Amino acid sequence: MSLLNTRLPTGHQLVPENLEPAGRLLVYQAAISRRFVLICGGDARFDNVTDARLAVFPPDPEHTTHTTT
């Protein structure tokens, strides 16, 4: 809750009474299972008239050429 409150304006922070079971809000952690990028309609590289989404995947650490220093 303190992590959420750091992004809320003063006077609008959450208190335990706001959260289930007493309150209306439910705290959860999302797990990313798929990633997409938006391809805007009319992008000549993709020959699409309407907006579309393109699935993307994280790089495979065993097959990357990127190095960190």
C-alpha atoms as a PDB file:
ATOM      1  CA  MET A   1       0.000   0.000   0.000  1.00  0.00           C
ATOM      2  CA  SER A   2       2.866   2.389   0.730  1.00  0.00           C
ATOM      3  CA  LEU A   3       4.180   1.867  -2.809  1.00  0.00           C
ATOM      4  CA  LEU A   4       0.802   2.838  -4.268  1.00  0.00           C
ATOM      5  CA  ASN A   5       0.524   5.839  -1.956  1.00  0.00           C
ATOM      6  CA  THR A   6       3.820   7.316  -3.184  1.00  0.00           C
ATOM      7  CA  ARG A   7       2.096   8.042  -6.514  1.00  0.00           C
ATOM      8  CA  LEU A   8      -1.142   9.445  -5.106  1.00  0.00           C
ATOM      9  CA  PRO A   9      -1.673  13.133  -4.302  1.00  0.00           C
ATOM     10  CA  THR A  10      -1.624  14.286  -0.701  1.00  0.00           C
ATOM     11  CA  GLY A  11      -4.952  13.639   0.964  1.00  0.00           C
ATOM     12  CA  HIS A  12      -5.858  10.827  -1.443  1.00  0.00           C
ATOM     13  CA  GLN A  13      -3.641   8.047  -0.110  1.00  0.00           C
ATOM     14  CA  LEU A  14      -5.136   4.657   0.615  1.00  0.00           C
ATOM     15  CA  VAL A  15      -5.769   3.396   4.133  1.00  0.00           C
ATOM     16  CA  PRO A  16      -6.455  -0.219   5.168  1.00  0.00           C
ATOM     17  CA  GLU A  17     -10.190   0.469   5.323  1.00  0.00           C
ATOM     18  CA  ASN A  18     -10.169   1.136   1.540  1.00  0.00           C
ATOM     19  CA  LEU A  19      -9.033  -2.422   0.812  1.00  0.00           C
ATOM     20  CA  GLU A  20     -10.915  -5.715   0.877  1.00  0.00           C
ATOM     21  CA  PRO A  21     -12.484  -7.181   2.902  1.00  0.00           C
ATOM     22  CA  ALA A  22     -13.646  -3.927   4.547  1.00  0.00           C
ATOM     23  CA  GLY A  23     -13.305  -1.686   1.493  1.00  0.00           C
ATOM     24  CA  ARG A  24     -14.096  -1.755  -2.208  1.00  0.00           C
ATOM     25  CA  LEU A  25     -10.546  -2.098  -3.561  1.00  0.00           C
ATOM     26  CA  LEU A  26      -8.645  -5.332  -4.133  1.00  0.00           C
ATOM     27  CA  VAL A  27      -4.846  -5.345  -4.191  1.00  0.00           C
ATOM     28  CA  TYR A  28      -3.304  -7.703  -6.748  1.00  0.00           C
ATOM     29  CA  GLN A  29      -0.085  -8.230  -8.635  1.00  0.00           C
ATOM     30  CA  ALA A  30      -0.325  -8.689 -12.388  1.00  0.00           C
ATOM     31  CA  ALA A  31       1.834 -11.266 -14.129  1.00  0.00           C
ATOM     32  CA  ILE A  32       2.822 -10.407 -17.690  1.00  0.00           C
ATOM     33  CA  SER A  33       2.215 -13.401 -19.910  1.00  0.00           C
ATOM     34  CA  ARG A  34       2.187 -11.768 -23.361  1.00  0.00           C
ATOM     35  CA  ARG A  35       3.592  -8.537 -24.807  1.00  0.00           C
ATOM     36  CA  PHE A  36       2.399  -6.574 -27.812  1.00  0.00           C
ATOM     37  CA  VAL A  37       3.319  -3.359 -29.598  1.00  0.00           C
ATOM     38  CA  LEU A  38       0.777  -1.229 -31.426  1.00  0.00           C
ATOM     39  CA  ILE A  39       1.242  -0.887 -35.183  1.00  0.00           C
ATOM     40  CA  CYS A  40      -0.591   2.277 -36.201  1.00  0.00           C
ATOM     41  CA  GLY A  41      -2.783   2.031 -39.271  1.00  0.00           C
ATOM     42  CA  GLY A  42      -1.153   3.255 -42.457  1.00  0.00           C
ATOM     43  CA  ASP A  43       2.387   2.156 -41.482  1.00  0.00           C
ATOM     44  CA  ALA A  44       4.020   1.353 -44.822  1.00  0.00           C
ATOM     45  CA  ARG A  45       6.400  -1.153 -43.193  1.00  0.00           C
ATOM     46  CA  PHE A  46       3.458  -3.384 -42.271  1.00  0.00           C
ATOM     47  CA  ASP A  47       0.999  -2.660 -45.113  1.00  0.00           C
ATOM     48  CA  ASN A  48      -1.937  -2.248 -42.724  1.00  0.00           C
ATOM     49  CA  VAL A  49      -4.881   0.089 -43.081  1.00  0.00           C
ATOM     50  CA  THR A  50      -6.160  -0.235 -39.503  1.00  0.00           C
ATOM     51  CA  ASP A  51      -4.347  -0.362 -36.188  1.00  0.00           C
ATOM     52  CA  ALA A  52      -2.994  -3.795 -35.322  1.00  0.00           C
ATOM     53  CA  ARG A  53      -0.925  -5.396 -32.613  1.00  0.00           C
ATOM     54  CA  LEU A  54       2.257  -7.353 -33.050  1.00  0.00           C
ATOM     55  CA  ALA A  55       3.373  -9.940 -30.506  1.00  0.00           C
ATOM     56  CA  VAL A  56       6.911  -9.380 -29.235  1.00  0.00           C
ATOM     57  CA  PHE A  57       9.096 -11.610 -27.111  1.00  0.00           C
ATOM     58  CA  PRO A  58      11.903 -10.832 -24.673  1.00  0.00           C
ATOM     59  CA  PRO A  59      15.385 -11.557 -26.003  1.00  0.00           C
ATOM     60  CA  ASP A  60      16.868 -14.968 -25.307  1.00  0.00           C
ATOM     61  CA  PRO A  61      19.853 -14.279 -23.003  1.00  0.00           C
ATOM     62  CA  GLU A  62      21.764 -17.230 -24.489  1.00  0.00           C
ATOM     63  CA  HIS A  63      21.509 -15.858 -28.036  1.00  0.00           C
ATOM     64  CA  THR A  64      21.906 -12.126 -27.628  1.00  0.00           C
ATOM     65  CA  THR A  65      24.802 -10.030 -28.864  1.00  0.00           C
ATOM     66  CA  HIS A  66      24.075  -7.243 -26.379  1.00  0.00           C
ATOM     67  CA  THR A  67      26.649  -6.883 -23.620  1.00  0.00           C
ATOM     68  CA  THR A  68      26.521  -4.873 -20.437  1.00  0.00           C
ATOM     69  CA  THR A  69      29.486  -3.223 -18.804  1.00  0.00           C
END
